[in-house]
C-alpha atoms as a PDB file:
ATOM      1  CA  MET A   1     -27.925 -15.135  20.894  1.00  0.00           C
ATOM      2  CA  ASN A   2     -27.844 -15.413  17.406  1.00  0.00           C
ATOM      3  CA  GLN A   3     -27.917 -11.942  15.347  1.00  0.00           C
ATOM      4  CA  ALA A   4     -28.840 -12.266  11.488  1.00  0.00           C
ATOM      5  CA  ILE A   5     -27.780  -9.681   8.912  1.00  0.00           C
ATOM      6  CA  LYS A   6     -30.112  -8.574   6.494  1.00  0.00           C
ATOM      7  CA  PRO A   7     -29.695  -9.531   2.970  1.00  0.00           C
ATOM      8  CA  GLY A   8     -28.570  -7.289  -0.013  1.00  0.00           C
ATOM      9  CA  PRO A   9     -30.477  -7.025  -3.276  1.00  0.00           C
ATOM     10  CA  GLU A  10     -31.326 -10.260  -5.216  1.00  0.00           C
ATOM     11  CA  ILE A  11     -29.185 -11.630  -8.207  1.00  0.00           C
ATOM     12  CA  PRO A  12     -31.657 -11.801 -10.804  1.00  0.00           C
ATOM     13  CA  SER A  13     -30.738 -15.346 -11.611  1.00  0.00           C
ATOM     14  CA  GLN A  14     -31.955 -16.580  -8.180  1.00  0.00           C
ATOM     15  CA  ALA A  15     -34.692 -13.611  -7.912  1.00  0.00           C
ATOM     16  CA  ASN A  16     -37.526 -16.131  -8.854  1.00  0.00           C
ATOM     17  CA  GLY A  17     -36.527 -19.216  -6.820  1.00  0.00           C
ATOM     18  CA  LEU A  18     -34.724 -20.915  -3.874  1.00  0.00           C
ATOM     19  CA  PRO A  19     -31.149 -21.377  -4.134  1.00  0.00           C
ATOM     20  CA  GLN A  20     -30.273 -25.420  -4.817  1.00  0.00           C
ATOM     21  CA  LEU A  21     -27.322 -25.263  -2.507  1.00  0.00           C
ATOM     22  CA  SER A  22     -26.577 -23.874   0.563  1.00  0.00           C
ATOM     23  CA  VAL A  23     -22.612 -23.754   1.405  1.00  0.00           C
ATOM     24  CA  VAL A  24     -22.339 -23.634   5.415  1.00  0.00           C
ATOM     25  CA  VAL A  25     -19.247 -21.946   6.628  1.00  0.00           C
ATOM     26  CA  PRO A  26     -18.308 -21.921  10.060  1.00  0.00           C
ATOM     27  CA  THR A  27     -15.642 -19.398  11.055  1.00  0.00           C
ATOM     28  CA  PHE A  28     -13.808 -17.720  13.627  1.00  0.00           C
ATOM     29  CA  ASN A  29     -11.162 -15.043  13.219  1.00  0.00           C
ATOM     30  CA  GLU A  30     -11.209 -15.817   9.377  1.00  0.00           C
ATOM     31  CA  ARG A  31     -11.803 -11.879   8.263  1.00  0.00           C
ATOM     32  CA  ASP A  32      -9.193 -12.172   5.874  1.00  0.00           C
ATOM     33  CA  ASN A  33     -10.067 -15.573   4.049  1.00  0.00           C
ATOM     34  CA  VAL A  34     -14.395 -13.839   3.630  1.00  0.00           C
ATOM     35  CA  THR A  35     -14.125 -12.122   0.381  1.00  0.00           C
ATOM     36  CA  VAL A  36     -11.684 -14.650  -1.353  1.00  0.00           C
ATOM     37  CA  LEU A  37     -13.774 -17.705  -0.668  1.00  0.00           C
ATOM     38  CA  TYR A  38     -16.899 -15.551  -1.705  1.00  0.00           C
ATOM     39  CA  ARG A  39     -15.002 -14.559  -4.737  1.00  0.00           C
ATOM     40  CA  ARG A  40     -13.885 -18.497  -5.356  1.00  0.00           C
ATOM     41  CA  LEU A  41     -17.585 -19.509  -4.851  1.00  0.00           C
ATOM     42  CA  GLU A  42     -19.026 -17.058  -7.416  1.00  0.00           C
ATOM     43  CA  ALA A  43     -16.632 -18.436  -9.982  1.00  0.00           C
ATOM     44  CA  THR A  44     -16.970 -22.185  -9.022  1.00  0.00           C
ATOM     45  CA  LEU A  45     -20.698 -21.926  -8.818  1.00  0.00           C
ATOM     46  CA  ALA A  46     -21.780 -20.033 -11.911  1.00  0.00           C
ATOM     47  CA  GLY A  47     -24.914 -20.900 -13.229  1.00  0.00           C
ATOM     48  CA  ILE A  48     -26.138 -22.762  -9.988  1.00  0.00           C
ATOM     49  CA  PRO A  49     -28.229 -21.075  -7.806  1.00  0.00           C
ATOM     50  CA  TRP A  50     -26.445 -20.747  -4.362  1.00  0.00           C
ATOM     51  CA  GLU A  51     -25.981 -18.927  -0.859  1.00  0.00           C
ATOM     52  CA  VAL A  52     -23.431 -19.175   1.607  1.00  0.00           C
ATOM     53  CA  VAL A  53     -24.372 -19.466   5.342  1.00  0.00           C
ATOM     54  CA  PHE A  54     -21.184 -17.760   7.377  1.00  0.00           C
ATOM     55  CA  VAL A  55     -21.674 -19.048  10.901  1.00  0.00           C
ATOM     56  CA  ASP A  56     -19.495 -16.563  12.871  1.00  0.00           C
ATOM     57  CA  ASP A  57     -18.960 -17.169  16.308  1.00  0.00           C
ATOM     58  CA  ASN A  58     -18.606 -13.705  17.418  1.00  0.00           C
ATOM     59  CA  SER A  59     -15.056 -13.533  16.146  1.00  0.00           C
ATOM     60  CA  PRO A  60     -13.114 -10.670  17.342  1.00  0.00           C
ATOM     61  CA  ASP A  61     -11.311  -9.698  14.320  1.00  0.00           C
ATOM     62  CA  GLY A  62     -14.824  -8.619  13.177  1.00  0.00           C
ATOM     63  CA  THR A  63     -15.284 -11.497  10.543  1.00  0.00           C
ATOM     64  CA  TRP A  64     -18.891 -11.120  10.527  1.00  0.00           C
ATOM     65  CA  GLU A  65     -18.788  -7.219   9.770  1.00  0.00           C
ATOM     66  CA  VAL A  66     -16.753  -8.391   6.723  1.00  0.00           C
ATOM     67  CA  VAL A  67     -19.573 -10.750   5.707  1.00  0.00           C
ATOM     68  CA  ARG A  68     -22.179  -8.049   6.518  1.00  0.00           C
ATOM     69  CA  GLY A  69     -20.485  -5.904   3.946  1.00  0.00           C
ATOM     70  CA  LEU A  70     -20.761  -8.614   1.141  1.00  0.00           C
ATOM     71  CA  ALA A  71     -24.487  -9.329   2.454  1.00  0.00           C
ATOM     72  CA  GLN A  72     -25.563  -5.709   1.996  1.00  0.00           C
ATOM     73  CA  LYS A  73     -24.711  -6.110  -1.946  1.00  0.00           C
ATOM     74  CA  ASP A  74     -25.334  -9.710  -2.394  1.00  0.00           C
ATOM     75  CA  SER A  75     -28.434 -11.570  -0.974  1.00  0.00           C
ATOM     76  CA  ARG A  76     -27.007 -15.045  -1.794  1.00  0.00           C
ATOM     77  CA  VAL A  77     -24.504 -14.352   1.323  1.00  0.00           C
ATOM     78  CA  ARG A  78     -25.925 -14.580   4.859  1.00  0.00           C
ATOM     79  CA  CYS A  79     -24.417 -14.651   8.409  1.00  0.00           C
ATOM     80  CA  ILE A  80     -25.468 -16.256  11.658  1.00  0.00           C
ATOM     81  CA  ARG A  81     -23.698 -14.190  14.314  1.00  0.00           C
ATOM     82  CA  ARG A  82     -23.423 -16.649  17.390  1.00  0.00           C
ATOM     83  CA  ILE A  83     -22.929 -14.473  20.568  1.00  0.00           C
ATOM     84  CA  GLY A  84     -22.023 -16.500  23.759  1.00  0.00           C
ATOM     85  CA  ARG A  85     -21.452 -19.816  22.218  1.00  0.00           C
ATOM     86  CA  ARG A  86     -18.415 -21.359  20.029  1.00  0.00           C
ATOM     87  CA  GLY A  87     -17.835 -24.877  18.916  1.00  0.00           C
ATOM     88  CA  LEU A  88     -17.206 -26.136  15.386  1.00  0.00           C
ATOM     89  CA  SER A  89     -20.094 -28.787  15.517  1.00  0.00           C
ATOM     90  CA  GLY A  90     -22.598 -26.548  16.948  1.00  0.00           C
ATOM     91  CA  ALA A  91     -22.063 -23.887  14.259  1.00  0.00           C
ATOM     92  CA  CYS A  92     -22.267 -26.796  11.321  1.00  0.00           C
ATOM     93  CA  ILE A  93     -25.704 -27.780  12.620  1.00  0.00           C
ATOM     94  CA  GLU A  94     -26.643 -24.268  12.738  1.00  0.00           C
ATOM     95  CA  GLY A  95     -25.799 -23.220   9.728  1.00  0.00           C
ATOM     96  CA  ILE A  96     -27.358 -26.671   8.223  1.00  0.00           C
ATOM     97  CA  LEU A  97     -30.646 -25.639   9.910  1.00  0.00           C
ATOM     98  CA  ALA A  98     -30.814 -22.032   8.506  1.00  0.00           C
ATOM     99  CA  ALA A  99     -30.487 -23.391   4.758  1.00  0.00           C
ATOM    100  CA  SER A 100     -32.737 -22.586   2.277  1.00  0.00           C
ATOM    101  CA  ALA A 101     -31.266 -25.103  -0.551  1.00  0.00           C
ATOM    102  CA  PRO A 102     -32.605 -28.322  -0.779  1.00  0.00           C
ATOM    103  CA  TYR A 103     -28.840 -29.272  -0.633  1.00  0.00           C
ATOM    104  CA  ALA A 104     -26.013 -28.227   1.872  1.00  0.00           C
ATOM    105  CA  ALA A 105     -22.480 -28.540   2.285  1.00  0.00           C
ATOM    106  CA  VAL A 106     -19.902 -27.477   5.036  1.00  0.00           C
ATOM    107  CA  ILE A 107     -16.567 -26.434   3.869  1.00  0.00           C
ATOM    108  CA  ASP A 108     -13.611 -25.310   5.822  1.00  0.00           C
ATOM    109  CA  ILE A 109     -12.934 -21.260   5.031  1.00  0.00           C
ATOM    110  CA  ASP A 110      -9.007 -21.814   5.319  1.00  0.00           C
ATOM    111  CA  PRO A 111      -8.160 -24.201   2.656  1.00  0.00           C
ATOM    112  CA  THR A 112      -4.770 -23.664   3.359  1.00  0.00           C
ATOM    113  CA  LYS A 113      -4.341 -25.717   6.522  1.00  0.00           C
ATOM    114  CA  LEU A 114      -2.196 -28.799   5.794  1.00  0.00           C
ATOM    115  CA  PRO A 115      -4.033 -32.122   5.934  1.00  0.00           C
ATOM    116  CA  LYS A 116      -1.286 -34.368   7.622  1.00  0.00           C
ATOM    117  CA  PRO A 117       1.931 -32.975   9.530  1.00  0.00           C
ATOM    118  CA  GLU A 118       3.850 -36.009   7.769  1.00  0.00           C
ATOM    119  CA  GLU A 119       3.518 -34.372   4.518  1.00  0.00           C
ATOM    120  CA  VAL A 120       5.976 -31.570   5.275  1.00  0.00           C
ATOM    121  CA  ASN A 121       7.865 -32.677   8.530  1.00  0.00           C
ATOM    122  CA  GLY A 122      10.733 -34.168   6.134  1.00  0.00           C
ATOM    123  CA  TRP A 123      10.616 -31.221   4.147  1.00  0.00           C
ATOM    124  CA  LEU A 124      11.134 -29.167   7.166  1.00  0.00           C
ATOM    125  CA  GLU A 125      13.810 -31.373   9.186  1.00  0.00           C
ATOM    126  CA  ASN A 126      15.811 -30.968   6.465  1.00  0.00           C
ATOM    127  CA  ILE A 127      16.176 -27.153   6.379  1.00  0.00           C
ATOM    128  CA  GLY A 128      16.543 -27.553  10.009  1.00  0.00           C
ATOM    129  CA  SER A 129      13.059 -26.320  11.190  1.00  0.00           C
ATOM    130  CA  SER A 130      10.817 -28.002  13.704  1.00  0.00           C
ATOM    131  CA  SER A 131       8.174 -30.542  12.516  1.00  0.00           C
ATOM    132  CA  LEU A 132       4.791 -30.122  12.946  1.00  0.00           C
ATOM    133  CA  ILE A 133       2.414 -32.435  15.654  1.00  0.00           C
ATOM    134  CA  GLU A 134      -0.597 -31.064  14.096  1.00  0.00           C
ATOM    135  CA  LYS A 135      -2.334 -29.200  11.423  1.00  0.00           C
ATOM    136  CA  GLN A 136      -1.113 -25.945  10.863  1.00  0.00           C
ATOM    137  CA  LYS A 137      -1.980 -22.878   8.668  1.00  0.00           C
ATOM    138  CA  ALA A 138       0.377 -22.246   5.920  1.00  0.00           C
ATOM    139  CA  GLN A 139       0.574 -18.572   7.074  1.00  0.00           C
ATOM    140  CA  LYS A 140       1.978 -19.465  10.549  1.00  0.00           C
ATOM    141  CA  ILE A 141       4.917 -22.189   8.415  1.00  0.00           C
ATOM    142  CA  LEU A 142       5.375 -18.812   6.388  1.00  0.00           C
ATOM    143  CA  LEU A 143       6.717 -16.586   9.535  1.00  0.00           C
ATOM    144  CA  ARG A 144       9.790 -19.364  10.355  1.00  0.00           C
ATOM    145  CA  PRO A 145      12.893 -18.203   9.318  1.00  0.00           C
ATOM    146  CA  GLY A 146      14.261 -19.469   6.445  1.00  0.00           C
ATOM    147  CA  ILE A 147      11.149 -19.943   4.705  1.00  0.00           C
ATOM    148  CA  ASN A 148       9.467 -18.411   1.688  1.00  0.00           C
ATOM    149  CA  LEU A 149       6.265 -18.641  -0.395  1.00  0.00           C
ATOM    150  CA  ASP A 150       8.530 -19.975  -3.203  1.00  0.00           C
ATOM    151  CA  MET A 151      10.163 -23.352  -1.079  1.00  0.00           C
ATOM    152  CA  MET A 152       6.177 -23.908   0.371  1.00  0.00           C
ATOM    153  CA  ILE A 153       4.793 -23.786  -3.247  1.00  0.00           C
ATOM    154  CA  LYS A 154       7.930 -25.843  -4.431  1.00  0.00           C
ATOM    155  CA  GLU A 155       7.301 -28.673  -1.823  1.00  0.00           C
ATOM    156  CA  ILE A 156       3.498 -28.448  -0.765  1.00  0.00           C
ATOM    157  CA  PRO A 157       1.589 -29.669  -3.752  1.00  0.00           C
ATOM    158  CA  LYS A 158      -1.802 -28.840  -2.453  1.00  0.00           C
ATOM    159  CA  LEU A 159      -0.239 -25.226  -1.630  1.00  0.00           C
ATOM    160  CA  ALA A 160       0.235 -24.962  -5.119  1.00  0.00           C
ATOM    161  CA  SER A 161      -2.545 -25.765  -6.261  1.00  0.00           C
ATOM    162  CA  LEU A 162      -4.645 -23.720  -4.441  1.00  0.00           C
ATOM    163  CA  LEU A 163      -2.410 -20.684  -5.853  1.00  0.00           C
ATOM    164  CA  ALA A 164      -1.619 -21.581  -9.101  1.00  0.00           C
ATOM    165  CA  SER A 165      -3.788 -18.932 -10.112  1.00  0.00           C
ATOM    166  CA  PHE A 166      -2.064 -16.225  -8.844  1.00  0.00           C
ATOM    167  CA  ASP A 167       0.475 -14.270 -10.791  1.00  0.00           C
ATOM    168  CA  LYS A 168       4.171 -14.123  -9.017  1.00  0.00           C
ATOM    169  CA  GLU A 169       3.812 -10.296  -8.241  1.00  0.00           C
ATOM    170  CA  SER A 170       0.896 -10.902  -5.962  1.00  0.00           C
ATOM    171  CA  LEU A 171       2.193 -13.949  -4.484  1.00  0.00           C
ATOM    172  CA  ASN A 172       5.223 -11.767  -3.581  1.00  0.00           C
ATOM    173  CA  GLN A 173       2.668  -8.923  -2.150  1.00  0.00           C
ATOM    174  CA  ALA A 174       1.257 -11.464  -0.035  1.00  0.00           C
ATOM    175  CA  SER A 175       4.044 -13.514   0.918  1.00  0.00           C
ATOM    176  CA  ILE A 176       5.629  -9.640   2.203  1.00  0.00           C
ATOM    177  CA  GLN A 177       2.107  -8.608   3.595  1.00  0.00           C
ATOM    178  CA  VAL A 178       2.216 -12.123   6.106  1.00  0.00           C
ATOM    179  CA  LYS A 179       6.009 -11.705   6.749  1.00  0.00           C
ATOM    180  CA  TYR A 180       5.707  -8.217   7.565  1.00  0.00           C
ATOM    181  CA  GLU A 181       2.367  -8.016   9.130  1.00  0.00           C
ATOM    182  CA  ILE A 182       3.594  -7.405  12.795  1.00  0.00           C
ATOM    183  CA  TYR A 183       5.844  -4.428  11.662  1.00  0.00           C
ATOM    184  CA  ILE A 184       3.079  -3.058   9.982  1.00  0.00           C
ATOM    185  CA  GLU A 185       0.974  -3.132  12.654  1.00  0.00           C
ATOM    186  CA  LYS A 186       3.332  -1.464  14.630  1.00  0.00           C
ATOM    187  CA  GLU A 187       4.049   0.659  12.481  1.00  0.00           C
ATOM    188  CA  LYS A 188       0.451   1.409  11.703  1.00  0.00           C
ATOM    189  CA  ASP A 189       0.238   2.380  15.437  1.00  0.00           C
ATOM    190  CA  LEU A 190       3.035   4.769  15.335  1.00  0.00           C
ATOM    191  CA  VAL A 191       1.372   6.343  12.794  1.00  0.00           C
ATOM    192  CA  GLN A 192      -2.025   7.005  14.869  1.00  0.00           C
ATOM    193  CA  LYS A 193      -0.177   7.917  18.057  1.00  0.00           C
ATOM    194  CA  MET A 194       1.842  10.641  15.803  1.00  0.00           C
ATOM    195  CA  SER A 195      -1.615  11.998  14.530  1.00  0.00           C
ATOM    196  CA  GLN A 196      -2.980  12.327  18.036  1.00  0.00           C
ATOM    197  CA  LEU A 197       0.373  13.924  19.481  1.00  0.00           C
ATOM    198  CA  GLU A 198      -0.248  16.521  16.746  1.00  0.00           C
ATOM    199  CA  GLY A 199      -3.595  17.401  18.337  1.00  0.00           C
ATOM    200  CA  LEU A 200      -1.761  17.815  21.665  1.00  0.00           C
ATOM    201  CA  GLU A 201      -1.330  21.589  21.991  1.00  0.00           C
ATOM    202  CA  ILE A 202       1.743  22.932  24.213  1.00  0.00           C
ATOM    203  CA  PRO A 203       0.861  25.947  26.217  1.00  0.00           C
ATOM    204  CA  GLU A 204       3.356  29.156  24.331  1.00  0.00           C
ATOM    205  CA  ALA A 205       4.529  29.864  28.438  1.00  0.00           C
ATOM    206  CA  PHE A 206       5.149  26.109  29.023  1.00  0.00           C
ATOM    207  CA  ASP A 207       8.132  26.075  31.539  1.00  0.00           C
ATOM    208  CA  TYR A 208       9.911  22.905  31.137  1.00  0.00           C
ATOM    209  CA  LYS A 209      12.625  23.876  33.593  1.00  0.00           C
ATOM    210  CA  LYS A 210       9.773  22.722  36.173  1.00  0.00           C
ATOM    211  CA  ILE A 211      10.045  19.124  34.823  1.00  0.00           C
ATOM    212  CA  ALA A 212      12.704  17.733  36.551  1.00  0.00           C
ATOM    213  CA  SER A 213      12.818  14.176  34.934  1.00  0.00           C
ATOM    214  CA  LEU A 214      13.672  15.786  31.477  1.00  0.00           C
ATOM    215  CA  GLY A 215      17.697  15.299  30.602  1.00  0.00           C
ATOM    216  CA  ASN A 216      19.382  18.298  30.339  1.00  0.00           C
ATOM    217  CA  GLU A 217      19.943  18.346  26.455  1.00  0.00           C
ATOM    218  CA  ALA A 218      16.347  17.582  25.841  1.00  0.00           C
ATOM    219  CA  MET A 219      15.210  20.563  27.695  1.00  0.00           C
ATOM    220  CA  GLU A 220      17.469  23.097  26.320  1.00  0.00           C
ATOM    221  CA  LYS A 221      16.162  21.649  22.783  1.00  0.00           C
ATOM    222  CA  LEU A 222      12.407  22.183  23.781  1.00  0.00           C
ATOM    223  CA  ILE A 223      13.132  26.120  24.980  1.00  0.00           C
ATOM    224  CA  ARG A 224      15.248  26.697  21.984  1.00  0.00           C
ATOM    225  CA  VAL A 225      12.891  25.245  19.485  1.00  0.00           C
ATOM    226  CA  ARG A 226       9.474  25.588  21.538  1.00  0.00           C
ATOM    227  CA  PRO A 227       7.901  23.278  19.519  1.00  0.00           C
ATOM    228  CA  ARG A 228       3.504  23.895  19.659  1.00  0.00           C
ATOM    229  CA  THR A 229       2.425  20.533  19.982  1.00  0.00           C
ATOM    230  CA  LEU A 230       3.970  16.763  21.515  1.00  0.00           C
ATOM    231  CA  GLY A 231       4.057  16.005  17.594  1.00  0.00           C
ATOM    232  CA  GLN A 232       6.360  18.779  16.724  1.00  0.00           C
ATOM    233  CA  ALA A 233       8.510  17.929  19.870  1.00  0.00           C
ATOM    234  CA  SER A 234       8.812  14.320  18.831  1.00  0.00           C
ATOM    235  CA  ARG A 235      10.566  15.069  15.677  1.00  0.00           C
ATOM    236  CA  ILE A 236      13.645  17.239  17.419  1.00  0.00           C
ATOM    237  CA  SER A 237      16.418  15.614  16.962  1.00  0.00           C
ATOM    238  CA  GLY A 238      17.980  14.198  20.268  1.00  0.00           C
ATOM    239  CA  ILE A 239      14.132  14.280  21.507  1.00  0.00           C
ATOM    240  CA  ASN A 240      13.536  10.595  22.265  1.00  0.00           C
ATOM    241  CA  PRO A 241      10.204   8.772  23.337  1.00  0.00           C
ATOM    242  CA  SER A 242      10.708   8.756  26.720  1.00  0.00           C
ATOM    243  CA  ASP A 243      10.875  12.325  26.881  1.00  0.00           C
ATOM    244  CA  VAL A 244       7.552  12.987  24.673  1.00  0.00           C
ATOM    245  CA  GLN A 245       5.824  10.479  27.612  1.00  0.00           C
ATOM    246  CA  ILE A 246       7.394  12.372  30.565  1.00  0.00           C
ATOM    247  CA  LEU A 247       6.134  15.977  28.881  1.00  0.00           C
ATOM    248  CA  MET A 248       2.562  14.344  28.137  1.00  0.00           C
ATOM    249  CA  VAL A 249       2.219  12.908  31.411  1.00  0.00           C
ATOM    250  CA  TYR A 250       3.189  16.949  33.337  1.00  0.00           C
ATOM    251  CA  MET A 251       1.055  18.215  30.786  1.00  0.00           C
ATOM    252  CA  GLY A 252      -2.148  15.932  31.683  1.00  0.00           C
ATOM    253  CA  ARG A 253      -1.935  17.408  35.217  1.00  0.00           C
END
């Protein structure tokens, strides 16, 4: 099953004719790279009538949704969302068959994949990090202990070339985002859970003494403070997450 995404308004330079070049981009879980590639195509192909056809294998991370947002603003952006089928070869073929231009080019959306493990294994071994046995995204290498982006730019010429146009501050921010993405996501989840707790009201006459599984200290503080919501209860000094969970379970009975 294919799902096409309706294109946006035509770009003036292309309104009167078909594109001359179709760029076919197979994707799977590449939502963070879509906009970056689109901007690079705009800069690189300036003056050339072009289109980009993203062929997405129904990515769980919502890659196609990012493409849809771009397509609604720019008619040169198209997307084929393949539902129930996966595979690079098939994606490339479908993209080429759907191309509107007389010429088509297939490219990898993520240019930060290392082409050959032997290009970096010597460096990795020298710093005490395990060698690669297959191609790997630079992002995964950056997540290794003791490795930072400055080191990678110095040791990997291809990466240095790709990032040459970015200023130091942007590179630092990107590096922090990659390095601490897991922790950032955990914090986002925590904030979301806390906001949900704020909406769960505790009855004014709630009898905490009925909850035998609550510790004495937690019970005394809850009785003394009388929080109005579970969110307020979670912020009381001495009340730990397990106390809040017990309270939540008991309130749900």
